[in-house]
Protein backbone atom coordinates (compact mmCIF):
# COMPACT_ATOMS: atom_id res chain seq x y z
CA MET A 1 -33.86 16.33 -19.38
CA SER A 2 -34.24 12.57 -19.04
CA ASP A 3 -35.25 10.27 -15.86
CA ASP A 4 -31.22 9.59 -15.21
CA THR A 5 -30.34 12.99 -14.76
CA LEU A 6 -32.83 14.12 -12.36
CA HIS A 7 -31.62 13.90 -8.77
CA THR A 8 -33.86 14.06 -5.85
CA PRO A 9 -32.03 15.00 -2.70
CA ALA A 10 -32.68 12.78 0.34
CA PRO A 11 -34.72 14.07 3.00
CA PRO A 12 -32.56 15.61 5.36
CA GLY A 13 -31.78 13.44 8.71
CA ARG A 14 -30.65 14.28 12.12
CA PHE A 15 -27.04 15.09 11.26
CA GLN A 16 -28.13 17.58 8.55
CA HIS A 17 -30.18 19.33 10.92
CA ILE A 18 -27.59 19.67 13.50
CA THR A 19 -24.87 21.06 11.33
CA ASN A 20 -28.15 23.52 10.05
CA THR A 21 -28.43 24.57 13.28
CA LEU A 22 -24.86 24.81 14.26
CA MET A 23 -24.17 26.83 10.98
CA ALA A 24 -26.83 29.09 11.66
CA GLY A 25 -25.85 29.69 15.33
CA CYS A 26 -22.38 30.74 13.99
CA LEU A 27 -23.83 33.05 11.50
CA GLY A 28 -26.06 34.67 13.74
CA VAL A 29 -23.76 35.33 16.52
CA MET A 30 -21.23 36.75 13.56
CA ALA A 31 -23.87 39.00 12.19
CA VAL A 32 -25.11 40.28 15.78
CA SER A 33 -21.59 40.77 16.58
CA VAL A 34 -20.32 42.61 13.51
CA PHE A 35 -23.80 44.66 13.65
CA VAL A 36 -22.96 45.81 17.10
CA ASN A 37 -19.47 46.60 16.69
CA VAL A 38 -20.35 48.89 13.69
CA VAL A 39 -23.02 50.78 15.37
CA LEU A 40 -20.94 51.15 18.42
CA ARG A 41 -17.92 52.06 16.26
CA TYR A 42 -20.01 54.87 13.89
CA GLY A 43 -22.57 55.81 16.50
CA PHE A 44 -20.36 56.25 19.89
CA GLY A 45 -16.69 56.01 18.48
CA SER A 46 -15.83 52.98 20.35
CA GLY A 47 -16.06 49.35 19.37
CA VAL A 48 -15.84 45.43 20.52
CA ALA A 49 -12.39 44.73 20.45
CA ALA A 50 -13.42 40.81 20.42
CA SER A 51 -16.07 41.05 17.26
CA GLU A 52 -13.56 40.84 14.87
CA GLU A 53 -11.68 37.56 16.56
CA LEU A 54 -14.91 35.99 17.29
CA SER A 55 -16.26 36.46 13.85
CA ARG A 56 -13.10 35.22 12.59
CA LEU A 57 -13.28 32.08 14.86
CA LEU A 58 -16.76 31.41 14.22
CA PHE A 59 -16.50 31.59 10.23
CA VAL A 60 -13.53 29.03 10.44
CA TRP A 61 -15.86 26.65 12.15
CA MET A 62 -18.89 27.39 9.90
CA VAL A 63 -16.85 26.70 6.74
CA PHE A 64 -15.81 23.21 8.07
CA ILE A 65 -19.13 21.91 9.69
CA GLY A 66 -20.80 23.12 6.19
CA ALA A 67 -17.88 20.92 4.49
CA THR A 68 -18.71 18.10 6.70
CA ALA A 69 -22.29 18.27 6.22
CA ALA A 70 -21.95 18.53 2.48
CA TYR A 71 -19.95 15.09 2.23
CA PRO A 72 -22.55 12.85 2.57
CA ALA A 73 -25.43 15.10 1.23
CA GLY A 74 -23.38 14.74 -2.35
CA GLU A 75 -22.76 18.30 -2.38
CA HIS A 76 -19.11 19.16 -2.91
CA MET A 77 -17.60 19.73 -6.34
CA ALA A 78 -17.92 16.66 -8.46
CA PHE A 79 -16.52 16.41 -12.07
CA THR A 80 -18.69 13.35 -13.20
CA SER A 81 -18.12 13.94 -17.13
CA LEU A 82 -15.16 11.57 -17.19
CA VAL A 83 -16.54 9.18 -14.64
CA GLY A 84 -19.85 9.39 -15.98
CA MET A 85 -18.62 7.85 -19.27
CA LEU A 86 -17.66 4.57 -17.14
CA LYS A 87 -21.16 3.94 -15.87
CA ASN A 88 -22.24 1.45 -18.41
CA LYS A 89 -18.86 -0.50 -17.53
CA PRO A 90 -19.02 -2.04 -14.41
CA LEU A 91 -15.55 -2.93 -13.71
CA PRO A 92 -14.04 0.10 -14.83
CA MET A 93 -16.80 1.86 -12.63
CA THR A 94 -15.75 0.10 -9.40
CA LEU A 95 -12.38 0.51 -9.92
CA MET A 96 -12.70 4.07 -10.19
CA THR A 97 -15.06 4.56 -6.90
CA VAL A 98 -12.47 2.77 -5.29
CA LEU A 99 -9.51 5.17 -6.34
CA ILE A 100 -11.62 7.84 -5.78
CA ARG A 101 -12.68 6.83 -2.10
CA VAL A 102 -8.90 5.94 -1.66
CA ALA A 103 -7.79 9.61 -2.70
CA THR A 104 -10.20 11.10 -0.62
CA VAL A 105 -9.24 9.29 2.66
CA LEU A 106 -5.58 10.04 1.67
CA GLY A 107 -6.26 13.74 1.18
CA CYS A 108 -8.27 13.72 4.49
CA ALA A 109 -5.59 11.84 6.36
CA LEU A 110 -2.76 14.43 4.92
CA VAL A 111 -5.13 17.63 5.74
CA GLY A 112 -5.81 16.11 8.96
CA TRP A 113 -2.20 15.46 9.77
CA GLY A 114 -1.26 19.16 9.29
CA ALA A 115 -4.24 20.44 11.22
CA TRP A 116 -3.27 18.25 13.98
CA GLN A 117 0.18 19.69 14.20
CA GLN A 118 -1.20 22.96 13.98
CA VAL A 119 -3.66 22.02 16.98
CA VAL A 120 -0.78 20.88 18.94
CA VAL A 121 1.22 24.21 18.33
CA GLY A 122 -2.14 26.17 19.28
CA LEU A 123 -2.20 24.71 22.44
CA ASP A 124 0.48 26.75 24.19
CA SER A 125 -0.70 30.13 22.74
CA LYS A 126 -3.94 32.22 23.50
CA SER A 127 -5.49 34.50 21.32
CA VAL A 128 -4.86 38.25 21.60
CA VAL A 129 -8.23 39.76 22.56
CA LEU A 130 -10.56 36.90 23.80
CA GLY A 131 -7.77 34.81 25.09
CA TYR A 132 -8.77 31.42 23.99
CA PRO A 133 -6.30 28.75 23.03
CA THR A 134 -5.50 29.18 19.08
CA ALA A 135 -5.73 25.71 18.95
CA LEU A 136 -9.71 26.25 18.37
CA LEU A 137 -8.78 27.71 14.85
CA PRO A 138 -7.60 24.43 13.30
CA LEU A 139 -9.56 21.95 15.21
CA PRO A 140 -12.65 22.29 12.97
CA ALA A 141 -10.16 21.21 10.19
CA LEU A 142 -9.01 18.24 11.93
CA LEU A 143 -12.73 17.30 12.96
CA CYS A 144 -13.96 18.07 9.37
CA THR A 145 -11.20 15.61 7.96
CA ALA A 146 -11.60 13.03 10.43
CA ALA A 147 -15.55 12.75 9.84
CA ILE A 148 -15.26 12.78 5.87
CA GLY A 149 -12.44 10.40 6.28
CA VAL A 150 -14.55 8.07 8.04
CA MET A 151 -17.45 8.48 6.00
CA ALA A 152 -15.35 7.78 2.77
CA LEU A 153 -13.71 4.79 4.36
CA ILE A 154 -16.88 3.23 5.24
CA GLU A 155 -18.26 4.02 1.77
CA LEU A 156 -15.60 2.25 0.77
CA ILE A 157 -15.76 -1.07 2.85
CA LYS A 158 -19.41 -1.17 1.87
CA GLN A 159 -18.95 -0.50 -1.77
CA THR A 160 -21.11 2.42 -2.04
CA PRO A 161 -21.56 3.02 -5.68
CA LEU A 162 -20.96 6.68 -6.93
CA ASP A 163 -23.97 9.29 -6.85
CA LEU A 164 -23.34 10.52 -10.08
CA GLY A 165 -26.88 12.54 -10.13
CA HIS A 166 -26.20 15.88 -9.25
CA GLY A 167 -28.57 18.90 -9.40
CA ALA A 168 -26.25 20.93 -11.00
CA GLU A 169 -25.28 20.78 -14.71
CA VAL A 170 -22.72 17.97 -15.46
CA GLU A 171 -19.20 19.63 -16.10
């Protein structure tokens, strides 16, 4: 492996610590909730109806918190083999970087708009067991796309070069 294919990840910052803590909290509550429900069901013939609903809600939040945390760390899926051929050609590489960032912002806007519509619909309805507003299910998608869209927009404005040094094999 040559030196330019090695990728040393940046040390985790405050944002990474916060998101990791939130994801660990979600996972911990989910694990305890499901474990208690299984013990009650098989051991005592009854369960906690809210366990499944709580686990589903926390899983959705955990996934979108993770997706948000993965963007600045460069851990989202990247098809670098095609773009990598442009790394010695400054103008095409700059144009491709701009195209990728604009597509990311546009994709975030589209998903965010759909999530916003679902949040609005969910404001008037409650979940069956726990009674929380069902707007809490699409809300993490809205927050995630807003955060990733803003990060991509900042990278576009600052003209941050693409990070092609991923730890995994090049596709």
